[in-house]
Amino acid sequence: MDFDRFIEVKGSRGSDLRFIWTDNEMRIAKKLKDKYWIYFQGGIDLKNRAAKNEPMLFKNPIDTLHKDARIKMTPYGLVVEGKLRGAAR
């Protein structure tokens, strides 16, 4: 099989975009480039097993996130947060 998309899923109960992107995830993203996507789902309601928001999709985030996000380095990886431009829908 030849896969055209490798997806890293991130989620949050809050409505704001915020997640940690690990060093290992970034290494894989560098190798896969346009085949690597991050799907972020915010506004998750665990009790009702539903989400309030539409997911945000980021193709080749090694390029797009570094250009558009407010990023903070932590010992665990990068903290990505804020409103991002260029997210595919």
PDB file of N, CA and C in Angstrom:
ATOM      1  N   MET A   1       0.831  -1.181   0.000  1.00  0.00           N
ATOM      2  CA  MET A   1       0.000   0.000   0.000  1.00  0.00           C
ATOM      3  C   MET A   1       0.877   1.246   0.000  1.00  0.00           C
ATOM      4  N   ASP A   2       0.428   2.239  -0.711  1.00  0.00           N
ATOM      5  CA  ASP A   2       1.118   3.522  -0.749  1.00  0.00           C
ATOM      6  C   ASP A   2       0.215   4.563  -0.093  1.00  0.00           C
ATOM      7  N   PHE A   3       0.568   4.966   1.120  1.00  0.00           N
ATOM      8  CA  PHE A   3      -0.259   5.921   1.853  1.00  0.00           C
ATOM      9  C   PHE A   3       0.038   7.337   1.403  1.00  0.00           C
ATOM     10  N   ASP A   4      -1.016   8.127   1.202  1.00  0.00           N
ATOM     11  CA  ASP A   4      -0.815   9.512   0.776  1.00  0.00           C
ATOM     12  C   ASP A   4      -0.938  10.508   1.920  1.00  0.00           C
ATOM     13  N   ARG A   5      -1.288  10.017   3.113  1.00  0.00           N
ATOM     14  CA  ARG A   5      -1.459  10.917   4.247  1.00  0.00           C
ATOM     15  C   ARG A   5      -1.172  10.179   5.557  1.00  0.00           C
ATOM     16  N   PHE A   6      -0.326  10.792   6.386  1.00  0.00           N
ATOM     17  CA  PHE A   6      -0.036  10.302   7.726  1.00  0.00           C
ATOM     18  C   PHE A   6      -0.537  11.376   8.678  1.00  0.00           C
ATOM     19  N   ILE A   7      -1.425  10.998   9.604  1.00  0.00           N
ATOM     20  CA  ILE A   7      -2.159  11.970  10.402  1.00  0.00           C
ATOM     21  C   ILE A   7      -1.786  11.860  11.877  1.00  0.00           C
ATOM     22  N   GLU A   8      -1.401  12.989  12.460  1.00  0.00           N
ATOM     23  CA  GLU A   8      -1.196  13.119  13.904  1.00  0.00           C
ATOM     24  C   GLU A   8      -2.419  13.846  14.427  1.00  0.00           C
ATOM     25  N   VAL A   9      -3.140  13.240  15.357  1.00  0.00           N
ATOM     26  CA  VAL A   9      -4.368  13.836  15.890  1.00  0.00           C
ATOM     27  C   VAL A   9      -4.078  14.461  17.249  1.00  0.00           C
ATOM     28  N   LYS A  10      -4.486  15.716  17.391  1.00  0.00           N
ATOM     29  CA  LYS A  10      -4.362  16.451  18.654  1.00  0.00           C
ATOM     30  C   LYS A  10      -5.749  16.942  19.043  1.00  0.00           C
ATOM     31  N   GLY A  11      -6.005  17.052  20.332  1.00  0.00           N
ATOM     32  CA  GLY A  11      -7.319  17.508  20.766  1.00  0.00           C
ATOM     33  C   GLY A  11      -7.268  18.246  22.084  1.00  0.00           C
ATOM     34  N   SER A  12      -8.358  18.966  22.347  1.00  0.00           N
ATOM     35  CA  SER A  12      -8.452  19.747  23.572  1.00  0.00           C
ATOM     36  C   SER A  12      -9.915  19.956  23.937  1.00  0.00           C
ATOM     37  N   ARG A  13     -10.184  20.009  25.222  1.00  0.00           N
ATOM     38  CA  ARG A  13     -11.540  20.358  25.660  1.00  0.00           C
ATOM     39  C   ARG A  13     -11.819  21.837  25.456  1.00  0.00           C
ATOM     40  N   GLY A  14     -10.775  22.647  25.507  1.00  0.00           N
ATOM     41  CA  GLY A  14     -10.930  24.078  25.294  1.00  0.00           C
ATOM     42  C   GLY A  14     -11.149  24.401  23.825  1.00  0.00           C
ATOM     43  N   SER A  15     -11.640  25.586  23.578  1.00  0.00           N
ATOM     44  CA  SER A  15     -11.907  26.012  22.199  1.00  0.00           C
ATOM     45  C   SER A  15     -10.679  26.587  21.506  1.00  0.00           C
ATOM     46  N   ASP A  16      -9.670  26.992  22.275  1.00  0.00           N
ATOM     47  CA  ASP A  16      -8.468  27.576  21.686  1.00  0.00           C
ATOM     48  C   ASP A  16      -7.533  26.489  21.171  1.00  0.00           C
ATOM     49  N   LEU A  17      -6.785  26.859  20.156  1.00  0.00           N
ATOM     50  CA  LEU A  17      -5.769  25.971  19.607  1.00  0.00           C
ATOM     51  C   LEU A  17      -4.605  25.918  20.573  1.00  0.00           C
ATOM     52  N   ARG A  18      -4.300  24.734  21.069  1.00  0.00           N
ATOM     53  CA  ARG A  18      -3.158  24.563  21.965  1.00  0.00           C
ATOM     54  C   ARG A  18      -2.827  23.086  22.065  1.00  0.00           C
ATOM     55  N   PHE A  19      -1.585  22.753  21.695  1.00  0.00           N
ATOM     56  CA  PHE A  19      -1.120  21.374  21.845  1.00  0.00           C
ATOM     57  C   PHE A  19       0.400  21.343  21.873  1.00  0.00           C
ATOM     58  N   ILE A  20       0.938  20.229  22.332  1.00  0.00           N
ATOM     59  CA  ILE A  20       2.386  20.013  22.342  1.00  0.00           C
ATOM     60  C   ILE A  20       2.738  19.150  21.148  1.00  0.00           C
ATOM     61  N   TRP A  21       3.743  19.587  20.414  1.00  0.00           N
ATOM     62  CA  TRP A  21       4.251  18.849  19.267  1.00  0.00           C
ATOM     63  C   TRP A  21       5.639  18.352  19.637  1.00  0.00           C
ATOM     64  N   THR A  22       5.793  17.042  19.784  1.00  0.00           N
ATOM     65  CA  THR A  22       7.027  16.464  20.324  1.00  0.00           C
ATOM     66  C   THR A  22       8.153  16.455  19.291  1.00  0.00           C
ATOM     67  N   ASP A  23       9.369  16.314  19.807  1.00  0.00           N
ATOM     68  CA  ASP A  23      10.545  16.230  18.936  1.00  0.00           C
ATOM     69  C   ASP A  23      10.423  15.064  17.960  1.00  0.00           C
ATOM     70  N   ASN A  24       9.935  13.933  18.428  1.00  0.00           N
ATOM     71  CA  ASN A  24       9.777  12.769  17.555  1.00  0.00           C
ATOM     72  C   ASN A  24       8.759  13.043  16.443  1.00  0.00           C
ATOM     73  N   GLU A  25       7.652  13.671  16.776  1.00  0.00           N
ATOM     74  CA  GLU A  25       6.641  14.025  15.774  1.00  0.00           C
ATOM     75  C   GLU A  25       7.224  14.983  14.726  1.00  0.00           C
ATOM     76  N   MET A  26       8.055  15.926  15.180  1.00  0.00           N
ATOM     77  CA  MET A  26       8.669  16.869  14.243  1.00  0.00           C
ATOM     78  C   MET A  26       9.676  16.174  13.325  1.00  0.00           C
ATOM     79  N   ARG A  27      10.412  15.203  13.852  1.00  0.00           N
ATOM     80  CA  ARG A  27      11.356  14.442  13.015  1.00  0.00           C
ATOM     81  C   ARG A  27      10.618  13.707  11.904  1.00  0.00           C
ATOM     82  N   ILE A  28       9.498  13.102  12.260  1.00  0.00           N
ATOM     83  CA  ILE A  28       8.699  12.382  11.265  1.00  0.00           C
ATOM     84  C   ILE A  28       8.128  13.360  10.241  1.00  0.00           C
ATOM     85  N   ALA A  29       7.657  14.519  10.706  1.00  0.00           N
ATOM     86  CA  ALA A  29       7.099  15.532   9.799  1.00  0.00           C
ATOM     87  C   ALA A  29       8.143  16.009   8.796  1.00  0.00           C
ATOM     88  N   LYS A  30       9.392  16.163   9.237  1.00  0.00           N
ATOM     89  CA  LYS A  30      10.460  16.593   8.323  1.00  0.00           C
ATOM     90  C   LYS A  30      10.682  15.572   7.216  1.00  0.00           C
ATOM     91  N   LYS A  31      10.579  14.294   7.555  1.00  0.00           N
ATOM     92  CA  LYS A  31      10.777  13.233   6.558  1.00  0.00           C
ATOM     93  C   LYS A  31       9.607  13.136   5.589  1.00  0.00           C
ATOM     94  N   LEU A  32       8.383  13.263   6.101  1.00  0.00           N
ATOM     95  CA  LEU A  32       7.196  13.017   5.282  1.00  0.00           C
ATOM     96  C   LEU A  32       6.690  14.255   4.533  1.00  0.00           C
ATOM     97  N   LYS A  33       7.077  15.432   4.969  1.00  0.00           N
ATOM     98  CA  LYS A  33       6.699  16.704   4.325  1.00  0.00           C
ATOM     99  C   LYS A  33       5.203  16.805   4.042  1.00  0.00           C
ATOM    100  N   ASP A  34       4.787  16.875   2.770  1.00  0.00           N
ATOM    101  CA  ASP A  34       3.375  17.080   2.409  1.00  0.00           C
ATOM    102  C   ASP A  34       2.473  15.899   2.755  1.00  0.00           C
ATOM    103  N   LYS A  35       3.046  14.756   3.065  1.00  0.00           N
ATOM    104  CA  LYS A  35       2.227  13.597   3.446  1.00  0.00           C
ATOM    105  C   LYS A  35       1.857  13.614   4.932  1.00  0.00           C
ATOM    106  N   TYR A  36       2.496  14.487   5.704  1.00  0.00           N
ATOM    107  CA  TYR A  36       2.264  14.555   7.148  1.00  0.00           C
ATOM    108  C   TYR A  36       1.262  15.666   7.452  1.00  0.00           C
ATOM    109  N   TRP A  37       0.244  15.336   8.196  1.00  0.00           N
ATOM    110  CA  TRP A  37      -0.807  16.280   8.586  1.00  0.00           C
ATOM    111  C   TRP A  37      -0.999  16.241  10.090  1.00  0.00           C
ATOM    112  N   ILE A  38      -1.389  17.368  10.672  1.00  0.00           N
ATOM    113  CA  ILE A  38      -1.896  17.403  12.046  1.00  0.00           C
ATOM    114  C   ILE A  38      -3.370  17.774  11.945  1.00  0.00           C
ATOM    115  N   TYR A  39      -4.209  16.973  12.601  1.00  0.00           N
ATOM    116  CA  TYR A  39      -5.634  17.279  12.738  1.00  0.00           C
ATOM    117  C   TYR A  39      -5.838  17.704  14.181  1.00  0.00           C
ATOM    118  N   PHE A  40      -6.301  18.920  14.398  1.00  0.00           N
ATOM    119  CA  PHE A  40      -6.570  19.409  15.744  1.00  0.00           C
ATOM    120  C   PHE A  40      -8.072  19.561  15.931  1.00  0.00           C
ATOM    121  N   GLN A  41      -8.590  18.929  16.987  1.00  0.00           N
ATOM    122  CA  GLN A  41     -10.012  19.024  17.317  1.00  0.00           C
ATOM    123  C   GLN A  41     -10.154  19.718  18.660  1.00  0.00           C
ATOM    124  N   GLY A  42     -10.688  20.930  18.658  1.00  0.00           N
ATOM    125  CA  GLY A  42     -10.919  21.662  19.892  1.00  0.00           C
ATOM    126  C   GLY A  42     -12.377  21.580  20.311  1.00  0.00           C
ATOM    127  N   GLY A  43     -12.639  21.979  21.545  1.00  0.00           N
ATOM    128  CA  GLY A  43     -14.010  22.000  22.055  1.00  0.00           C
ATOM    129  C   GLY A  43     -14.599  20.619  22.266  1.00  0.00           C
ATOM    130  N   ILE A  44     -13.772  19.679  22.700  1.00  0.00           N
ATOM    131  CA  ILE A  44     -14.258  18.315  22.916  1.00  0.00           C
ATOM    132  C   ILE A  44     -15.071  18.247  24.201  1.00  0.00           C
ATOM    133  N   ASP A  45     -16.271  17.719  24.109  1.00  0.00           N
ATOM    134  CA  ASP A  45     -17.166  17.520  25.243  1.00  0.00           C
ATOM    135  C   ASP A  45     -17.154  16.026  25.571  1.00  0.00           C
ATOM    136  N   LEU A  46     -16.355  15.654  26.581  1.00  0.00           N
ATOM    137  CA  LEU A  46     -16.196  14.235  26.917  1.00  0.00           C
ATOM    138  C   LEU A  46     -17.497  13.594  27.380  1.00  0.00           C
ATOM    139  N   LYS A  47     -18.274  14.332  28.151  1.00  0.00           N
ATOM    140  CA  LYS A  47     -19.519  13.779  28.690  1.00  0.00           C
ATOM    141  C   LYS A  47     -20.480  13.375  27.571  1.00  0.00           C
ATOM    142  N   ASN A  48     -20.640  14.240  26.582  1.00  0.00           N
ATOM    143  CA  ASN A  48     -21.573  13.966  25.487  1.00  0.00           C
ATOM    144  C   ASN A  48     -20.910  13.327  24.270  1.00  0.00           C
ATOM    145  N   ARG A  49     -19.610  13.081  24.377  1.00  0.00           N
ATOM    146  CA  ARG A  49     -18.861  12.449  23.283  1.00  0.00           C
ATOM    147  C   ARG A  49     -19.078  13.185  21.964  1.00  0.00           C
ATOM    148  N   ALA A  50     -18.866  14.496  22.016  1.00  0.00           N
ATOM    149  CA  ALA A  50     -19.066  15.346  20.843  1.00  0.00           C
ATOM    150  C   ALA A  50     -18.029  16.465  20.850  1.00  0.00           C
ATOM    151  N   ALA A  51     -17.961  17.187  19.755  1.00  0.00           N
ATOM    152  CA  ALA A  51     -17.062  18.333  19.654  1.00  0.00           C
ATOM    153  C   ALA A  51     -17.847  19.535  19.174  1.00  0.00           C
ATOM    154  N   LYS A  52     -17.542  20.692  19.760  1.00  0.00           N
ATOM    155  CA  LYS A  52     -18.246  21.924  19.420  1.00  0.00           C
ATOM    156  C   LYS A  52     -17.698  22.567  18.144  1.00  0.00           C
ATOM    157  N   ASN A  53     -16.428  22.376  17.865  1.00  0.00           N
ATOM    158  CA  ASN A  53     -15.757  23.066  16.757  1.00  0.00           C
ATOM    159  C   ASN A  53     -15.467  22.115  15.604  1.00  0.00           C
ATOM    160  N   GLU A  54     -15.268  22.702  14.438  1.00  0.00           N
ATOM    161  CA  GLU A  54     -14.788  21.945  13.292  1.00  0.00           C
ATOM    162  C   GLU A  54     -13.293  21.678  13.487  1.00  0.00           C
ATOM    163  N   PRO A  55     -12.795  20.544  13.032  1.00  0.00           N
ATOM    164  CA  PRO A  55     -11.355  20.296  13.167  1.00  0.00           C
ATOM    165  C   PRO A  55     -10.539  21.234  12.291  1.00  0.00           C
ATOM    166  N   MET A  56      -9.317  21.518  12.730  1.00  0.00           N
ATOM    167  CA  MET A  56      -8.369  22.295  11.933  1.00  0.00           C
ATOM    168  C   MET A  56      -7.352  21.312  11.376  1.00  0.00           C
ATOM    169  N   LEU A  57      -7.063  21.415  10.093  1.00  0.00           N
ATOM    170  CA  LEU A  57      -6.153  20.496   9.432  1.00  0.00           C
ATOM    171  C   LEU A  57      -4.922  21.254   8.953  1.00  0.00           C
ATOM    172  N   PHE A  58      -3.738  20.716   9.239  1.00  0.00           N
ATOM    173  CA  PHE A  58      -2.486  21.372   8.872  1.00  0.00           C
ATOM    174  C   PHE A  58      -1.628  20.425   8.048  1.00  0.00           C
ATOM    175  N   LYS A  59      -1.495  20.738   6.778  1.00  0.00           N
ATOM    176  CA  LYS A  59      -0.653  19.960   5.880  1.00  0.00           C
ATOM    177  C   LYS A  59       0.788  20.448   6.011  1.00  0.00           C
ATOM    178  N   ASN A  60       1.724  19.507   6.067  1.00  0.00           N
ATOM    179  CA  ASN A  60       3.149  19.825   6.170  1.00  0.00           C
ATOM    180  C   ASN A  60       3.405  20.850   7.279  1.00  0.00           C
ATOM    181  N   PRO A  61       3.052  20.523   8.517  1.00  0.00           N
ATOM    182  CA  PRO A  61       3.142  21.510   9.603  1.00  0.00           C
ATOM    183  C   PRO A  61       4.563  21.946   9.931  1.00  0.00           C
ATOM    184  N   ILE A  62       5.553  21.203   9.507  1.00  0.00           N
ATOM    185  CA  ILE A  62       6.925  21.634   9.788  1.00  0.00           C
ATOM    186  C   ILE A  62       7.180  22.992   9.134  1.00  0.00           C
ATOM    187  N   ASP A  63       6.510  23.260   8.016  1.00  0.00           N
ATOM    188  CA  ASP A  63       6.597  24.572   7.373  1.00  0.00           C
ATOM    189  C   ASP A  63       5.518  25.518   7.875  1.00  0.00           C
ATOM    190  N   THR A  64       4.272  25.090   7.873  1.00  0.00           N
ATOM    191  CA  THR A  64       3.166  25.996   8.171  1.00  0.00           C
ATOM    192  C   THR A  64       3.127  26.447   9.624  1.00  0.00           C
ATOM    193  N   LEU A  65       3.382  25.556  10.565  1.00  0.00           N
ATOM    194  CA  LEU A  65       3.321  25.953  11.974  1.00  0.00           C
ATOM    195  C   LEU A  65       4.449  26.899  12.350  1.00  0.00           C
ATOM    196  N   HIS A  66       5.630  26.666  11.839  1.00  0.00           N
ATOM    197  CA  HIS A  66       6.742  27.552  12.179  1.00  0.00           C
ATOM    198  C   HIS A  66       6.554  28.953  11.611  1.00  0.00           C
ATOM    199  N   LYS A  67       5.777  29.086  10.559  1.00  0.00           N
ATOM    200  CA  LYS A  67       5.541  30.397   9.969  1.00  0.00           C
ATOM    201  C   LYS A  67       4.396  31.148  10.651  1.00  0.00           C
ATOM    202  N   ASP A  68       3.375  30.430  11.140  1.00  0.00           N
ATOM    203  CA  ASP A  68       2.145  31.086  11.570  1.00  0.00           C
ATOM    204  C   ASP A  68       1.827  30.989  13.061  1.00  0.00           C
ATOM    205  N   ALA A  69       2.399  30.100  13.783  1.00  0.00           N
ATOM    206  CA  ALA A  69       1.997  29.892  15.176  1.00  0.00           C
ATOM    207  C   ALA A  69       2.884  30.664  16.143  1.00  0.00           C
ATOM    208  N   ARG A  70       2.322  30.924  17.304  1.00  0.00           N
ATOM    209  CA  ARG A  70       3.154  31.366  18.420  1.00  0.00           C
ATOM    210  C   ARG A  70       3.656  30.084  19.058  1.00  0.00           C
ATOM    211  N   ILE A  71       4.949  29.888  19.054  1.00  0.00           N
ATOM    212  CA  ILE A  71       5.532  28.624  19.495  1.00  0.00           C
ATOM    213  C   ILE A  71       6.472  28.886  20.660  1.00  0.00           C
ATOM    214  N   LYS A  72       6.379  28.026  21.675  1.00  0.00           N
ATOM    215  CA  LYS A  72       7.282  28.091  22.820  1.00  0.00           C
ATOM    216  C   LYS A  72       7.974  26.739  22.947  1.00  0.00           C
ATOM    217  N   MET A  73       9.279  26.754  23.068  1.00  0.00           N
ATOM    218  CA  MET A  73      10.021  25.511  23.279  1.00  0.00           C
ATOM    219  C   MET A  73       9.914  25.110  24.741  1.00  0.00           C
ATOM    220  N   THR A  74       9.644  23.832  24.978  1.00  0.00           N
ATOM    221  CA  THR A  74       9.599  23.280  26.327  1.00  0.00           C
ATOM    222  C   THR A  74      10.462  22.021  26.341  1.00  0.00           C
ATOM    223  N   PRO A  75      10.718  21.453  27.491  1.00  0.00           N
ATOM    224  CA  PRO A  75      11.470  20.191  27.522  1.00  0.00           C
ATOM    225  C   PRO A  75      10.732  19.042  26.831  1.00  0.00           C
ATOM    226  N   TYR A  76       9.435  19.189  26.618  1.00  0.00           N
ATOM    227  CA  TYR A  76       8.628  18.125  26.025  1.00  0.00           C
ATOM    228  C   TYR A  76       8.416  18.295  24.523  1.00  0.00           C
ATOM    229  N   GLY A  77       8.818  19.422  23.975  1.00  0.00           N
ATOM    230  CA  GLY A  77       8.607  19.717  22.562  1.00  0.00           C
ATOM    231  C   GLY A  77       8.138  21.150  22.410  1.00  0.00           C
ATOM    232  N   LEU A  78       7.489  21.440  21.303  1.00  0.00           N
ATOM    233  CA  LEU A  78       6.972  22.780  21.052  1.00  0.00           C
ATOM    234  C   LEU A  78       5.534  22.885  21.515  1.00  0.00           C
ATOM    235  N   VAL A  79       5.193  24.012  22.147  1.00  0.00           N
ATOM    236  CA  VAL A  79       3.808  24.292  22.482  1.00  0.00           C
ATOM    237  C   VAL A  79       3.276  25.172  21.364  1.00  0.00           C
ATOM    238  N   VAL A  80       2.280  24.681  20.648  1.00  0.00           N
ATOM    239  CA  VAL A  80       1.662  25.411  19.544  1.00  0.00           C
ATOM    240  C   VAL A  80       0.351  25.976  20.061  1.00  0.00           C
ATOM    241  N   GLU A  81       0.162  27.286  19.878  1.00  0.00           N
ATOM    242  CA  GLU A  81      -1.076  27.899  20.341  1.00  0.00           C
ATOM    243  C   GLU A  81      -1.381  29.139  19.523  1.00  0.00           C
ATOM    244  N   GLY A  82      -2.644  29.522  19.533  1.00  0.00           N
ATOM    245  CA  GLY A  82      -3.064  30.723  18.850  1.00  0.00           C
ATOM    246  C   GLY A  82      -3.915  30.421  17.641  1.00  0.00           C
ATOM    247  N   LYS A  83      -4.251  31.455  16.914  1.00  0.00           N
ATOM    248  CA  LYS A  83      -5.023  31.315  15.690  1.00  0.00           C
ATOM    249  C   LYS A  83      -4.033  31.213  14.539  1.00  0.00           C
ATOM    250  N   LEU A  84      -4.182  30.212  13.729  1.00  0.00           N
ATOM    251  CA  LEU A  84      -3.244  29.962  12.651  1.00  0.00           C
ATOM    252  C   LEU A  84      -3.850  30.291  11.309  1.00  0.00           C
ATOM    253  N   ARG A  85      -3.050  30.860  10.450  1.00  0.00           N
ATOM    254  CA  ARG A  85      -3.460  31.082   9.063  1.00  0.00           C
ATOM    255  C   ARG A  85      -2.958  29.905   8.252  1.00  0.00           C
ATOM    256  N   GLY A  86      -3.601  29.679   7.118  1.00  0.00           N
ATOM    257  CA  GLY A  86      -3.158  28.639   6.203  1.00  0.00           C
ATOM    258  C   GLY A  86      -3.621  27.246   6.557  1.00  0.00           C
ATOM    259  N   ALA A  87      -4.526  27.121   7.517  1.00  0.00           N
ATOM    260  CA  ALA A  87      -5.043  25.805   7.851  1.00  0.00           C
ATOM    261  C   ALA A  87      -5.978  25.342   6.749  1.00  0.00           C
ATOM    262  N   ALA A  88      -5.768  24.130   6.285  1.00  0.00           N
ATOM    263  CA  ALA A  88      -6.645  23.569   5.261  1.00  0.00           C
ATOM    264  C   ALA A  88      -7.942  23.152   5.913  1.00  0.00           C
ATOM    265  N   ARG A  89      -9.013  23.270   5.204  1.00  0.00           N
ATOM    266  CA  ARG A  89     -10.323  22.830   5.710  1.00  0.00           C
ATOM    267  C   ARG A  89     -10.851  21.751   4.820  1.00  0.00           C
TER     268      ARG A  89
END
